[in-house]
Amino acid sequence: MHRKTILIVDDELSILVPLQFLMEKEGYLPKLAQSGKEAIEKIAEVQPDLILLDIMLPDLDGYEIYQMIRQRTEWESIRIIFLTAKNRDADMAKGIAMGADAYITKPFSNTQLIEKIRELIGPAEP
C-alpha cells in the first residue's frame, strides 16, 4: 500500500519537528528538507504527493523552488502548499497567482492545515 508522502521544506527545526509529528500522527509519511537544494533532491528521490513549502529559505526561495518543480512534467501532479510567515497580501497574491494549491500563513492551525491536505490529496491510507 502506498503511503501518501508529504515533503516538508522549512529551515527551522521548530517548524519541521512538530509538522513531522503531526503528519505521522495523521498517517502520512513525512520527509524533511531544510534548504531549496535539499528539497529538489528529495523530490527527485521520493516523488511526494504534496509539499509544504516555506518561502524564506537559506539558498533558493520557495517561489524559485516552486518554478523548478513546475518546469518538470514528471512532477506535475505534486500538490504544493506555501506554508510561510510571509503574510502580506502581495505575498499571498503572488503565491496563488503562481498556481500554488494553497497559501497558509504562520502561525497556522493544525486542524486547518490537515483539512487542506486532505482536500488536496485525500486522507492517509489506514
PDB file of N, CA and C in Angstrom:
ATOM      1  N   MET A   1       0.853  -1.199   0.000  1.00  0.00           N
ATOM      2  CA  MET A   1       0.000   0.000   0.000  1.00  0.00           C
ATOM      3  C   MET A   1       0.880   1.237   0.000  1.00  0.00           C
ATOM      4  N   HIS A   2       0.598   2.135  -0.889  1.00  0.00           N
ATOM      5  CA  HIS A   2       1.367   3.388  -0.994  1.00  0.00           C
ATOM      6  C   HIS A   2       0.917   4.366   0.089  1.00  0.00           C
ATOM      7  N   ARG A   3       1.840   4.691   1.001  1.00  0.00           N
ATOM      8  CA  ARG A   3       1.519   5.732   1.986  1.00  0.00           C
ATOM      9  C   ARG A   3       1.751   7.078   1.342  1.00  0.00           C
ATOM     10  N   LYS A   4       0.824   7.984   1.512  1.00  0.00           N
ATOM     11  CA  LYS A   4       0.969   9.313   0.914  1.00  0.00           C
ATOM     12  C   LYS A   4       2.116  10.058   1.581  1.00  0.00           C
ATOM     13  N   THR A   5       3.009  10.563   0.746  1.00  0.00           N
ATOM     14  CA  THR A   5       4.223  11.212   1.222  1.00  0.00           C
ATOM     15  C   THR A   5       4.079  12.722   1.163  1.00  0.00           C
ATOM     16  N   ILE A   6       4.493  13.365   2.251  1.00  0.00           N
ATOM     17  CA  ILE A   6       4.467  14.820   2.312  1.00  0.00           C
ATOM     18  C   ILE A   6       5.879  15.314   2.600  1.00  0.00           C
ATOM     19  N   LEU A   7       6.387  16.138   1.706  1.00  0.00           N
ATOM     20  CA  LEU A   7       7.705  16.737   1.903  1.00  0.00           C
ATOM     21  C   LEU A   7       7.513  18.081   2.591  1.00  0.00           C
ATOM     22  N   ILE A   8       8.164  18.242   3.733  1.00  0.00           N
ATOM     23  CA  ILE A   8       8.089  19.492   4.496  1.00  0.00           C
ATOM     24  C   ILE A   8       9.405  20.238   4.282  1.00  0.00           C
ATOM     25  N   VAL A   9       9.320  21.421   3.694  1.00  0.00           N
ATOM     26  CA  VAL A   9      10.522  22.207   3.390  1.00  0.00           C
ATOM     27  C   VAL A   9      10.501  23.462   4.249  1.00  0.00           C
ATOM     28  N   ASP A  10      11.400  23.497   5.239  1.00  0.00           N
ATOM     29  CA  ASP A  10      11.498  24.653   6.129  1.00  0.00           C
ATOM     30  C   ASP A  10      12.879  24.638   6.746  1.00  0.00           C
ATOM     31  N   ASP A  11      13.470  25.812   6.950  1.00  0.00           N
ATOM     32  CA  ASP A  11      14.816  25.844   7.531  1.00  0.00           C
ATOM     33  C   ASP A  11      14.800  25.886   9.051  1.00  0.00           C
ATOM     34  N   GLU A  12      13.611  25.929   9.665  1.00  0.00           N
ATOM     35  CA  GLU A  12      13.527  25.993  11.121  1.00  0.00           C
ATOM     36  C   GLU A  12      13.079  24.658  11.695  1.00  0.00           C
ATOM     37  N   LEU A  13      13.932  24.078  12.540  1.00  0.00           N
ATOM     38  CA  LEU A  13      13.580  22.805  13.179  1.00  0.00           C
ATOM     39  C   LEU A  13      12.341  22.952  14.052  1.00  0.00           C
ATOM     40  N   SER A  14      12.116  24.152  14.599  1.00  0.00           N
ATOM     41  CA  SER A  14      10.948  24.380  15.456  1.00  0.00           C
ATOM     42  C   SER A  14       9.642  24.262  14.662  1.00  0.00           C
ATOM     43  N   ILE A  15       9.742  24.289  13.350  1.00  0.00           N
ATOM     44  CA  ILE A  15       8.576  24.073  12.477  1.00  0.00           C
ATOM     45  C   ILE A  15       8.588  22.639  11.952  1.00  0.00           C
ATOM     46  N   LEU A  16       9.759  22.177  11.518  1.00  0.00           N
ATOM     47  CA  LEU A  16       9.879  20.842  10.915  1.00  0.00           C
ATOM     48  C   LEU A  16       9.457  19.720  11.860  1.00  0.00           C
ATOM     49  N   VAL A  17       9.969  19.761  13.079  1.00  0.00           N
ATOM     50  CA  VAL A  17       9.740  18.638  14.006  1.00  0.00           C
ATOM     51  C   VAL A  17       8.256  18.489  14.367  1.00  0.00           C
ATOM     52  N   PRO A  18       7.571  19.570  14.790  1.00  0.00           N
ATOM     53  CA  PRO A  18       6.142  19.399  15.083  1.00  0.00           C
ATOM     54  C   PRO A  18       5.323  19.002  13.855  1.00  0.00           C
ATOM     55  N   LEU A  19       5.681  19.532  12.669  1.00  0.00           N
ATOM     56  CA  LEU A  19       4.958  19.147  11.454  1.00  0.00           C
ATOM     57  C   LEU A  19       5.190  17.677  11.121  1.00  0.00           C
ATOM     58  N   GLN A  20       6.425  17.222  11.306  1.00  0.00           N
ATOM     59  CA  GLN A  20       6.730  15.811  11.069  1.00  0.00           C
ATOM     60  C   GLN A  20       5.859  14.936  11.977  1.00  0.00           C
ATOM     61  N   PHE A  21       5.787  15.314  13.251  1.00  0.00           N
ATOM     62  CA  PHE A  21       4.984  14.570  14.226  1.00  0.00           C
ATOM     63  C   PHE A  21       3.504  14.576  13.819  1.00  0.00           C
ATOM     64  N   LEU A  22       3.012  15.743  13.417  1.00  0.00           N
ATOM     65  CA  LEU A  22       1.606  15.875  13.017  1.00  0.00           C
ATOM     66  C   LEU A  22       1.292  14.988  11.809  1.00  0.00           C
ATOM     67  N   MET A  23       2.172  15.004  10.810  1.00  0.00           N
ATOM     68  CA  MET A  23       1.934  14.198   9.599  1.00  0.00           C
ATOM     69  C   MET A  23       1.937  12.702   9.938  1.00  0.00           C
ATOM     70  N   GLU A  24       2.888  12.283  10.802  1.00  0.00           N
ATOM     71  CA  GLU A  24       2.936  10.869  11.213  1.00  0.00           C
ATOM     72  C   GLU A  24       1.652  10.492  11.949  1.00  0.00           C
ATOM     73  N   LYS A  25       1.219  11.359  12.850  1.00  0.00           N
ATOM     74  CA  LYS A  25       0.007  11.119  13.640  1.00  0.00           C
ATOM     75  C   LYS A  25      -1.209  10.973  12.724  1.00  0.00           C
ATOM     76  N   GLU A  26      -1.232  11.725  11.633  1.00  0.00           N
ATOM     77  CA  GLU A  26      -2.354  11.677  10.684  1.00  0.00           C
ATOM     78  C   GLU A  26      -2.234  10.513   9.694  1.00  0.00           C
ATOM     79  N   GLY A  27      -1.106   9.790   9.739  1.00  0.00           N
ATOM     80  CA  GLY A  27      -0.944   8.623   8.879  1.00  0.00           C
ATOM     81  C   GLY A  27      -0.181   8.871   7.586  1.00  0.00           C
ATOM     82  N   TYR A  28       0.316  10.089   7.414  1.00  0.00           N
ATOM     83  CA  TYR A  28       1.113  10.388   6.216  1.00  0.00           C
ATOM     84  C   TYR A  28       2.578  10.038   6.482  1.00  0.00           C
ATOM     85  N   LEU A  29       3.346   9.933   5.409  1.00  0.00           N
ATOM     86  CA  LEU A  29       4.776   9.655   5.524  1.00  0.00           C
ATOM     87  C   LEU A  29       5.527  10.970   5.281  1.00  0.00           C
ATOM     88  N   PRO A  30       6.038  11.592   6.364  1.00  0.00           N
ATOM     89  CA  PRO A  30       6.720  12.872   6.177  1.00  0.00           C
ATOM     90  C   PRO A  30       8.185  12.707   5.790  1.00  0.00           C
ATOM     91  N   LYS A  31       8.638  13.581   4.897  1.00  0.00           N
ATOM     92  CA  LYS A  31      10.059  13.695   4.551  1.00  0.00           C
ATOM     93  C   LYS A  31      10.422  15.154   4.795  1.00  0.00           C
ATOM     94  N   LEU A  32      11.675  15.406   5.172  1.00  0.00           N
ATOM     95  CA  LEU A  32      12.075  16.756   5.550  1.00  0.00           C
ATOM     96  C   LEU A  32      13.206  17.284   4.684  1.00  0.00           C
ATOM     97  N   ALA A  33      13.179  18.599   4.449  1.00  0.00           N
ATOM     98  CA  ALA A  33      14.274  19.283   3.762  1.00  0.00           C
ATOM     99  C   ALA A  33      14.425  20.657   4.396  1.00  0.00           C
ATOM    100  N   GLN A  34      15.687  21.076   4.593  1.00  0.00           N
ATOM    101  CA  GLN A  34      15.937  22.351   5.251  1.00  0.00           C
ATOM    102  C   GLN A  34      16.478  23.425   4.305  1.00  0.00           C
ATOM    103  N   SER A  35      16.543  23.113   3.016  1.00  0.00           N
ATOM    104  CA  SER A  35      17.004  24.108   2.048  1.00  0.00           C
ATOM    105  C   SER A  35      16.361  23.788   0.702  1.00  0.00           C
ATOM    106  N   GLY A  36      16.446  24.738  -0.205  1.00  0.00           N
ATOM    107  CA  GLY A  36      15.886  24.528  -1.532  1.00  0.00           C
ATOM    108  C   GLY A  36      16.579  23.408  -2.285  1.00  0.00           C
ATOM    109  N   LYS A  37      17.905  23.391  -2.201  1.00  0.00           N
ATOM    110  CA  LYS A  37      18.688  22.366  -2.892  1.00  0.00           C
ATOM    111  C   LYS A  37      18.307  20.979  -2.373  1.00  0.00           C
ATOM    112  N   GLU A  38      18.211  20.866  -1.046  1.00  0.00           N
ATOM    113  CA  GLU A  38      17.831  19.588  -0.434  1.00  0.00           C
ATOM    114  C   GLU A  38      16.404  19.205  -0.851  1.00  0.00           C
ATOM    115  N   ALA A  39      15.524  20.199  -0.958  1.00  0.00           N
ATOM    116  CA  ALA A  39      14.137  19.941  -1.362  1.00  0.00           C
ATOM    117  C   ALA A  39      14.082  19.326  -2.753  1.00  0.00           C
ATOM    118  N   ILE A  40      14.815  19.908  -3.694  1.00  0.00           N
ATOM    119  CA  ILE A  40      14.822  19.402  -5.076  1.00  0.00           C
ATOM    120  C   ILE A  40      15.362  17.961  -5.110  1.00  0.00           C
ATOM    121  N   GLU A  41      16.426  17.696  -4.331  1.00  0.00           N
ATOM    122  CA  GLU A  41      16.981  16.332  -4.261  1.00  0.00           C
ATOM    123  C   GLU A  41      15.945  15.355  -3.704  1.00  0.00           C
ATOM    124  N   LYS A  42      15.251  15.761  -2.645  1.00  0.00           N
ATOM    125  CA  LYS A  42      14.248  14.887  -2.013  1.00  0.00           C
ATOM    126  C   LYS A  42      13.067  14.636  -2.952  1.00  0.00           C
ATOM    127  N   ILE A  43      12.655  15.662  -3.685  1.00  0.00           N
ATOM    128  CA  ILE A  43      11.533  15.490  -4.622  1.00  0.00           C
ATOM    129  C   ILE A  43      11.900  14.429  -5.662  1.00  0.00           C
ATOM    130  N   ALA A  44      13.114  14.527  -6.197  1.00  0.00           N
ATOM    131  CA  ALA A  44      13.571  13.554  -7.198  1.00  0.00           C
ATOM    132  C   ALA A  44      13.623  12.147  -6.602  1.00  0.00           C
ATOM    133  N   GLU A  45      14.004  12.069  -5.342  1.00  0.00           N
ATOM    134  CA  GLU A  45      14.176  10.782  -4.663  1.00  0.00           C
ATOM    135  C   GLU A  45      12.834  10.142  -4.289  1.00  0.00           C
ATOM    136  N   VAL A  46      11.915  10.912  -3.712  1.00  0.00           N
ATOM    137  CA  VAL A  46      10.694  10.305  -3.157  1.00  0.00           C
ATOM    138  C   VAL A  46       9.400  10.621  -3.903  1.00  0.00           C
ATOM    139  N   GLN A  47       9.420  11.568  -4.856  1.00  0.00           N
ATOM    140  CA  GLN A  47       8.195  11.946  -5.582  1.00  0.00           C
ATOM    141  C   GLN A  47       7.015  12.108  -4.614  1.00  0.00           C
ATOM    142  N   PRO A  48       7.053  13.134  -3.766  1.00  0.00           N
ATOM    143  CA  PRO A  48       5.992  13.285  -2.769  1.00  0.00           C
ATOM    144  C   PRO A  48       4.636  13.585  -3.405  1.00  0.00           C
ATOM    145  N   ASP A  49       3.574  13.293  -2.662  1.00  0.00           N
ATOM    146  CA  ASP A  49       2.222  13.611  -3.128  1.00  0.00           C
ATOM    147  C   ASP A  49       1.943  15.095  -2.930  1.00  0.00           C
ATOM    148  N   LEU A  50       2.550  15.653  -1.872  1.00  0.00           N
ATOM    149  CA  LEU A  50       2.309  17.051  -1.531  1.00  0.00           C
ATOM    150  C   LEU A  50       3.559  17.642  -0.895  1.00  0.00           C
ATOM    151  N   ILE A  51       3.756  18.944  -1.092  1.00  0.00           N
ATOM    152  CA  ILE A  51       4.888  19.641  -0.484  1.00  0.00           C
ATOM    153  C   ILE A  51       4.368  20.811   0.330  1.00  0.00           C
ATOM    154  N   LEU A  52       4.819  20.897   1.577  1.00  0.00           N
ATOM    155  CA  LEU A  52       4.591  22.078   2.411  1.00  0.00           C
ATOM    156  C   LEU A  52       5.852  22.906   2.241  1.00  0.00           C
ATOM    157  N   LEU A  53       5.736  24.043   1.580  1.00  0.00           N
ATOM    158  CA  LEU A  53       6.903  24.785   1.134  1.00  0.00           C
ATOM    159  C   LEU A  53       6.996  26.159   1.787  1.00  0.00           C
ATOM    160  N   ASP A  54       8.054  26.352   2.565  1.00  0.00           N
ATOM    161  CA  ASP A  54       8.319  27.668   3.132  1.00  0.00           C
ATOM    162  C   ASP A  54       8.856  28.550   2.018  1.00  0.00           C
ATOM    163  N   ILE A  55       8.697  29.848   2.147  1.00  0.00           N
ATOM    164  CA  ILE A  55       9.212  30.749   1.101  1.00  0.00           C
ATOM    165  C   ILE A  55      10.610  31.242   1.443  1.00  0.00           C
ATOM    166  N   MET A  56      10.835  31.564   2.723  1.00  0.00           N
ATOM    167  CA  MET A  56      12.139  32.107   3.110  1.00  0.00           C
ATOM    168  C   MET A  56      13.076  30.972   3.524  1.00  0.00           C
ATOM    169  N   LEU A  57      13.979  30.635   2.607  1.00  0.00           N
ATOM    170  CA  LEU A  57      14.933  29.551   2.828  1.00  0.00           C
ATOM    171  C   LEU A  57      16.341  30.078   2.582  1.00  0.00           C
ATOM    172  N   PRO A  58      17.377  29.375   3.101  1.00  0.00           N
ATOM    173  CA  PRO A  58      18.741  29.907   3.004  1.00  0.00           C
ATOM    174  C   PRO A  58      19.331  30.006   1.593  1.00  0.00           C
ATOM    175  N   ASP A  59      18.952  29.118   0.679  1.00  0.00           N
ATOM    176  CA  ASP A  59      19.574  29.158  -0.648  1.00  0.00           C
ATOM    177  C   ASP A  59      18.599  29.643  -1.722  1.00  0.00           C
ATOM    178  N   LEU A  60      17.653  28.825  -2.094  1.00  0.00           N
ATOM    179  CA  LEU A  60      16.623  29.209  -3.068  1.00  0.00           C
ATOM    180  C   LEU A  60      15.377  29.592  -2.276  1.00  0.00           C
ATOM    181  N   ASP A  61      14.620  30.571  -2.752  1.00  0.00           N
ATOM    182  CA  ASP A  61      13.384  30.832  -2.019  1.00  0.00           C
ATOM    183  C   ASP A  61      12.273  29.912  -2.529  1.00  0.00           C
ATOM    184  N   GLY A  62      11.187  29.868  -1.800  1.00  0.00           N
ATOM    185  CA  GLY A  62      10.086  28.970  -2.134  1.00  0.00           C
ATOM    186  C   GLY A  62       9.516  29.210  -3.523  1.00  0.00           C
ATOM    187  N   TYR A  63       9.502  30.479  -3.945  1.00  0.00           N
ATOM    188  CA  TYR A  63       8.987  30.780  -5.282  1.00  0.00           C
ATOM    189  C   TYR A  63       9.872  30.137  -6.357  1.00  0.00           C
ATOM    190  N   GLU A  64      11.193  30.213  -6.156  1.00  0.00           N
ATOM    191  CA  GLU A  64      12.128  29.608  -7.129  1.00  0.00           C
ATOM    192  C   GLU A  64      11.962  28.092  -7.163  1.00  0.00           C
ATOM    193  N   ILE A  65      11.829  27.496  -5.986  1.00  0.00           N
ATOM    194  CA  ILE A  65      11.647  26.042  -5.897  1.00  0.00           C
ATOM    195  C   ILE A  65      10.353  25.653  -6.613  1.00  0.00           C
ATOM    196  N   TYR A  66       9.295  26.424  -6.354  1.00  0.00           N
ATOM    197  CA  TYR A  66       8.001  26.154  -6.993  1.00  0.00           C
ATOM    198  C   TYR A  66       8.154  26.140  -8.517  1.00  0.00           C
ATOM    199  N   GLN A  67       8.846  27.152  -9.045  1.00  0.00           N
ATOM    200  CA  GLN A  67       9.033  27.230 -10.502  1.00  0.00           C
ATOM    201  C   GLN A  67       9.853  26.048 -11.021  1.00  0.00           C
ATOM    202  N   MET A  68      10.860  25.634 -10.270  1.00  0.00           N
ATOM    203  CA  MET A  68      11.683  24.484 -10.686  1.00  0.00           C
ATOM    204  C   MET A  68      10.828  23.215 -10.736  1.00  0.00           C
ATOM    205  N   ILE A  69       9.954  23.052  -9.753  1.00  0.00           N
ATOM    206  CA  ILE A  69       9.085  21.871  -9.710  1.00  0.00           C
ATOM    207  C   ILE A  69       8.147  21.882 -10.920  1.00  0.00           C
ATOM    208  N   ARG A  70       7.543  23.032 -11.176  1.00  0.00           N
ATOM    209  CA  ARG A  70       6.551  23.133 -12.252  1.00  0.00           C
ATOM    210  C   ARG A  70       7.156  23.024 -13.651  1.00  0.00           C
ATOM    211  N   GLN A  71       8.485  23.158 -13.766  1.00  0.00           N
ATOM    212  CA  GLN A  71       9.132  23.005 -15.077  1.00  0.00           C
ATOM    213  C   GLN A  71       9.328  21.534 -15.452  1.00  0.00           C
ATOM    214  N   ARG A  72       9.149  20.650 -14.507  1.00  0.00           N
ATOM    215  CA  ARG A  72       9.369  19.217 -14.756  1.00  0.00           C
ATOM    216  C   ARG A  72       8.024  18.510 -14.930  1.00  0.00           C
ATOM    217  N   THR A  73       7.774  17.952 -16.096  1.00  0.00           N
ATOM    218  CA  THR A  73       6.472  17.317 -16.343  1.00  0.00           C
ATOM    219  C   THR A  73       6.204  16.139 -15.413  1.00  0.00           C
ATOM    220  N   GLU A  74       7.263  15.433 -15.016  1.00  0.00           N
ATOM    221  CA  GLU A  74       7.041  14.271 -14.136  1.00  0.00           C
ATOM    222  C   GLU A  74       6.616  14.691 -12.723  1.00  0.00           C
ATOM    223  N   TRP A  75       6.718  15.984 -12.427  1.00  0.00           N
ATOM    224  CA  TRP A  75       6.313  16.481 -11.104  1.00  0.00           C
ATOM    225  C   TRP A  75       5.005  17.266 -11.151  1.00  0.00           C
ATOM    226  N   GLU A  76       4.318  17.209 -12.287  1.00  0.00           N
ATOM    227  CA  GLU A  76       3.081  17.975 -12.465  1.00  0.00           C
ATOM    228  C   GLU A  76       2.014  17.687 -11.423  1.00  0.00           C
ATOM    229  N   SER A  77       1.927  16.434 -11.011  1.00  0.00           N
ATOM    230  CA  SER A  77       0.832  16.047 -10.114  1.00  0.00           C
ATOM    231  C   SER A  77       1.097  16.381  -8.642  1.00  0.00           C
ATOM    232  N   ILE A  78       2.300  16.829  -8.319  1.00  0.00           N
ATOM    233  CA  ILE A  78       2.611  17.153  -6.919  1.00  0.00           C
ATOM    234  C   ILE A  78       1.826  18.400  -6.509  1.00  0.00           C
ATOM    235  N   ARG A  79       1.085  18.286  -5.412  1.00  0.00           N
ATOM    236  CA  ARG A  79       0.331  19.430  -4.894  1.00  0.00           C
ATOM    237  C   ARG A  79       1.277  20.243  -4.004  1.00  0.00           C
ATOM    238  N   ILE A  80       1.121  21.569  -4.038  1.00  0.00           N
ATOM    239  CA  ILE A  80       2.038  22.433  -3.279  1.00  0.00           C
ATOM    240  C   ILE A  80       1.261  23.447  -2.444  1.00  0.00           C
ATOM    241  N   ILE A  81       1.592  23.465  -1.164  1.00  0.00           N
ATOM    242  CA  ILE A  81       1.041  24.457  -0.246  1.00  0.00           C
ATOM    243  C   ILE A  81       2.195  25.323   0.233  1.00  0.00           C
ATOM    244  N   PHE A  82       2.120  26.617  -0.027  1.00  0.00           N
ATOM    245  CA  PHE A  82       3.089  27.529   0.590  1.00  0.00           C
ATOM    246  C   PHE A  82       2.693  27.649   2.060  1.00  0.00           C
ATOM    247  N   LEU A  83       3.642  27.385   2.941  1.00  0.00           N
ATOM    248  CA  LEU A  83       3.412  27.476   4.387  1.00  0.00           C
ATOM    249  C   LEU A  83       4.487  28.423   4.899  1.00  0.00           C
ATOM    250  N   THR A  84       4.109  29.666   5.166  1.00  0.00           N
ATOM    251  CA  THR A  84       5.118  30.700   5.330  1.00  0.00           C
ATOM    252  C   THR A  84       4.705  31.797   6.304  1.00  0.00           C
ATOM    253  N   ALA A  85       5.701  32.496   6.812  1.00  0.00           N
ATOM    254  CA  ALA A  85       5.440  33.660   7.666  1.00  0.00           C
ATOM    255  C   ALA A  85       5.148  34.897   6.824  1.00  0.00           C
ATOM    256  N   LYS A  86       5.370  34.804   5.510  1.00  0.00           N
ATOM    257  CA  LYS A  86       5.121  35.957   4.635  1.00  0.00           C
ATOM    258  C   LYS A  86       3.607  36.118   4.458  1.00  0.00           C
ATOM    259  N   ASN A  87       3.047  37.034   5.256  1.00  0.00           N
ATOM    260  CA  ASN A  87       1.590  37.121   5.317  1.00  0.00           C
ATOM    261  C   ASN A  87       1.020  38.405   4.707  1.00  0.00           C
ATOM    262  N   ARG A  88       1.840  39.149   3.970  1.00  0.00           N
ATOM    263  CA  ARG A  88       1.313  40.345   3.314  1.00  0.00           C
ATOM    264  C   ARG A  88       0.435  39.925   2.137  1.00  0.00           C
ATOM    265  N   ASP A  89      -0.559  40.733   1.838  1.00  0.00           N
ATOM    266  CA  ASP A  89      -1.466  40.419   0.738  1.00  0.00           C
ATOM    267  C   ASP A  89      -0.713  40.196  -0.571  1.00  0.00           C
ATOM    268  N   ALA A  90       0.324  41.009  -0.802  1.00  0.00           N
ATOM    269  CA  ALA A  90       1.096  40.895  -2.046  1.00  0.00           C
ATOM    270  C   ALA A  90       1.787  39.531  -2.140  1.00  0.00           C
ATOM    271  N   ASP A  91       2.318  39.043  -1.005  1.00  0.00           N
ATOM    272  CA  ASP A  91       2.975  37.729  -0.994  1.00  0.00           C
ATOM    273  C   ASP A  91       1.956  36.629  -1.290  1.00  0.00           C
ATOM    274  N   MET A  92       0.808  36.723  -0.628  1.00  0.00           N
ATOM    275  CA  MET A  92      -0.227  35.705  -0.816  1.00  0.00           C
ATOM    276  C   MET A  92      -0.711  35.711  -2.263  1.00  0.00           C
ATOM    277  N   ALA A  93      -0.919  36.904  -2.797  1.00  0.00           N
ATOM    278  CA  ALA A  93      -1.387  37.021  -4.177  1.00  0.00           C
ATOM    279  C   ALA A  93      -0.370  36.409  -5.139  1.00  0.00           C
ATOM    280  N   LYS A  94       0.925  36.645  -4.879  1.00  0.00           N
ATOM    281  CA  LYS A  94       1.977  36.092  -5.740  1.00  0.00           C
ATOM    282  C   LYS A  94       1.943  34.564  -5.703  1.00  0.00           C
ATOM    283  N   GLY A  95       1.847  33.994  -4.497  1.00  0.00           N
ATOM    284  CA  GLY A  95       1.819  32.535  -4.351  1.00  0.00           C
ATOM    285  C   GLY A  95       0.646  31.897  -5.075  1.00  0.00           C
ATOM    286  N   ILE A  96      -0.522  32.496  -4.925  1.00  0.00           N
ATOM    287  CA  ILE A  96      -1.724  31.958  -5.570  1.00  0.00           C
ATOM    288  C   ILE A  96      -1.645  32.172  -7.089  1.00  0.00           C
ATOM    289  N   ALA A  97      -1.159  33.347  -7.494  1.00  0.00           N
ATOM    290  CA  ALA A  97      -1.048  33.646  -8.931  1.00  0.00           C
ATOM    291  C   ALA A  97      -0.086  32.675  -9.622  1.00  0.00           C
ATOM    292  N   MET A  98       0.938  32.228  -8.896  1.00  0.00           N
ATOM    293  CA  MET A  98       1.892  31.271  -9.477  1.00  0.00           C
ATOM    294  C   MET A  98       1.228  29.923  -9.718  1.00  0.00           C
ATOM    295  N   GLY A  99       0.147  29.667  -8.984  1.00  0.00           N
ATOM    296  CA  GLY A  99      -0.564  28.411  -9.175  1.00  0.00           C
ATOM    297  C   GLY A  99      -0.475  27.455  -7.999  1.00  0.00           C
ATOM    298  N   ALA A 100      -0.010  27.944  -6.853  1.00  0.00           N
ATOM    299  CA  ALA A 100       0.062  27.074  -5.677  1.00  0.00           C
ATOM    300  C   ALA A 100      -1.344  26.582  -5.328  1.00  0.00           C
ATOM    301  N   ASP A 101      -1.425  25.390  -4.778  1.00  0.00           N
ATOM    302  CA  ASP A 101      -2.721  24.819  -4.417  1.00  0.00           C
ATOM    303  C   ASP A 101      -3.317  25.512  -3.195  1.00  0.00           C
ATOM    304  N   ALA A 102      -2.450  26.066  -2.345  1.00  0.00           N
ATOM    305  CA  ALA A 102      -2.923  26.801  -1.170  1.00  0.00           C
ATOM    306  C   ALA A 102      -1.789  27.663  -0.641  1.00  0.00           C
ATOM    307  N   TYR A 103      -2.164  28.643   0.163  1.00  0.00           N
ATOM    308  CA  TYR A 103      -1.180  29.552   0.768  1.00  0.00           C
ATOM    309  C   TYR A 103      -1.620  29.719   2.210  1.00  0.00           C
ATOM    310  N   ILE A 104      -0.860  29.156   3.132  1.00  0.00           N
ATOM    311  CA  ILE A 104      -1.212  29.193   4.546  1.00  0.00           C
ATOM    312  C   ILE A 104      -0.116  29.941   5.290  1.00  0.00           C
ATOM    313  N   THR A 105      -0.513  30.882   6.132  1.00  0.00           N
ATOM    314  CA  THR A 105       0.483  31.688   6.842  1.00  0.00           C
ATOM    315  C   THR A 105       0.711  31.173   8.260  1.00  0.00           C
ATOM    316  N   LYS A 106       1.944  31.352   8.721  1.00  0.00           N
ATOM    317  CA  LYS A 106       2.314  31.012  10.100  1.00  0.00           C
ATOM    318  C   LYS A 106       1.967  32.203  10.982  1.00  0.00           C
ATOM    319  N   PRO A 107       1.553  32.021  12.206  1.00  0.00           N
ATOM    320  CA  PRO A 107       1.206  30.720  12.794  1.00  0.00           C
ATOM    321  C   PRO A 107      -0.081  30.190  12.164  1.00  0.00           C
ATOM    322  N   PHE A 108      -0.170  28.879  12.085  1.00  0.00           N
ATOM    323  CA  PHE A 108      -1.318  28.256  11.423  1.00  0.00           C
ATOM    324  C   PHE A 108      -1.975  27.276  12.388  1.00  0.00           C
ATOM    325  N   SER A 109      -3.174  26.905  12.079  1.00  0.00           N
ATOM    326  CA  SER A 109      -3.896  25.918  12.877  1.00  0.00           C
ATOM    327  C   SER A 109      -3.625  24.536  12.280  1.00  0.00           C
ATOM    328  N   ASN A 110      -3.253  23.583  13.129  1.00  0.00           N
ATOM    329  CA  ASN A 110      -3.012  22.210  12.651  1.00  0.00           C
ATOM    330  C   ASN A 110      -4.261  21.650  11.984  1.00  0.00           C
ATOM    331  N   THR A 111      -5.413  21.948  12.559  1.00  0.00           N
ATOM    332  CA  THR A 111      -6.680  21.454  12.011  1.00  0.00           C
ATOM    333  C   THR A 111      -6.898  21.998  10.603  1.00  0.00           C
ATOM    334  N   GLN A 112      -6.665  23.299  10.427  1.00  0.00           N
ATOM    335  CA  GLN A 112      -6.828  23.934   9.115  1.00  0.00           C
ATOM    336  C   GLN A 112      -5.859  23.303   8.109  1.00  0.00           C
ATOM    337  N   LEU A 113      -4.621  23.084   8.540  1.00  0.00           N
ATOM    338  CA  LEU A 113      -3.607  22.510   7.652  1.00  0.00           C
ATOM    339  C   LEU A 113      -3.997  21.093   7.227  1.00  0.00           C
ATOM    340  N   ILE A 114      -4.390  20.255   8.169  1.00  0.00           N
ATOM    341  CA  ILE A 114      -4.769  18.872   7.855  1.00  0.00           C
ATOM    342  C   ILE A 114      -5.995  18.847   6.942  1.00  0.00           C
ATOM    343  N   GLU A 115      -6.957  19.719   7.202  1.00  0.00           N
ATOM    344  CA  GLU A 115      -8.147  19.779   6.343  1.00  0.00           C
ATOM    345  C   GLU A 115      -7.754  20.103   4.905  1.00  0.00           C
ATOM    346  N   LYS A 116      -6.832  21.058   4.738  1.00  0.00           N
ATOM    347  CA  LYS A 116      -6.396  21.459   3.395  1.00  0.00           C
ATOM    348  C   LYS A 116      -5.643  20.306   2.717  1.00  0.00           C
ATOM    349  N   ILE A 117      -4.786  19.615   3.471  1.00  0.00           N
ATOM    350  CA  ILE A 117      -4.036  18.476   2.915  1.00  0.00           C
ATOM    351  C   ILE A 117      -5.013  17.385   2.457  1.00  0.00           C
ATOM    352  N   ARG A 118      -5.998  17.077   3.304  1.00  0.00           N
ATOM    353  CA  ARG A 118      -6.984  16.043   2.939  1.00  0.00           C
ATOM    354  C   ARG A 118      -7.770  16.451   1.704  1.00  0.00           C
ATOM    355  N   GLU A 119      -8.075  17.748   1.610  1.00  0.00           N
ATOM    356  CA  GLU A 119      -8.815  18.257   0.454  1.00  0.00           C
ATOM    357  C   GLU A 119      -8.000  18.060  -0.831  1.00  0.00           C
ATOM    358  N   LEU A 120      -6.673  18.238  -0.733  1.00  0.00           N
ATOM    359  CA  LEU A 120      -5.820  18.166  -1.914  1.00  0.00           C
ATOM    360  C   LEU A 120      -5.411  16.737  -2.292  1.00  0.00           C
ATOM    361  N   ILE A 121      -5.069  15.907  -1.302  1.00  0.00           N
ATOM    362  CA  ILE A 121      -4.577  14.552  -1.651  1.00  0.00           C
ATOM    363  C   ILE A 121      -5.372  13.436  -0.982  1.00  0.00           C
ATOM    364  N   GLY A 122      -6.398  13.807  -0.222  1.00  0.00           N
ATOM    365  CA  GLY A 122      -7.219  12.801   0.430  1.00  0.00           C
ATOM    366  C   GLY A 122      -6.616  12.369   1.752  1.00  0.00           C
ATOM    367  N   PRO A 123      -7.368  11.594   2.514  1.00  0.00           N
ATOM    368  CA  PRO A 123      -6.846  11.133   3.818  1.00  0.00           C
ATOM    369  C   PRO A 123      -5.720  10.127   3.620  1.00  0.00           C
ATOM    370  N   ALA A 124      -4.916   9.980   4.649  1.00  0.00           N
ATOM    371  CA  ALA A 124      -3.849   8.975   4.607  1.00  0.00           C
ATOM    372  C   ALA A 124      -4.509   7.604   4.556  1.00  0.00           C
ATOM    373  N   GLU A 125      -3.817   6.652   3.954  1.00  0.00           N
ATOM    374  CA  GLU A 125      -4.352   5.278   3.909  1.00  0.00           C
ATOM    375  C   GLU A 125      -4.309   4.695   5.325  1.00  0.00           C
ATOM    376  N   PRO A 126      -5.309   3.900   5.679  1.00  0.00           N
ATOM    377  CA  PRO A 126      -5.321   3.310   7.038  1.00  0.00           C
ATOM    378  C   PRO A 126      -4.189   2.321   7.254  1.00  0.00           C
TER     379      PRO A 126
END
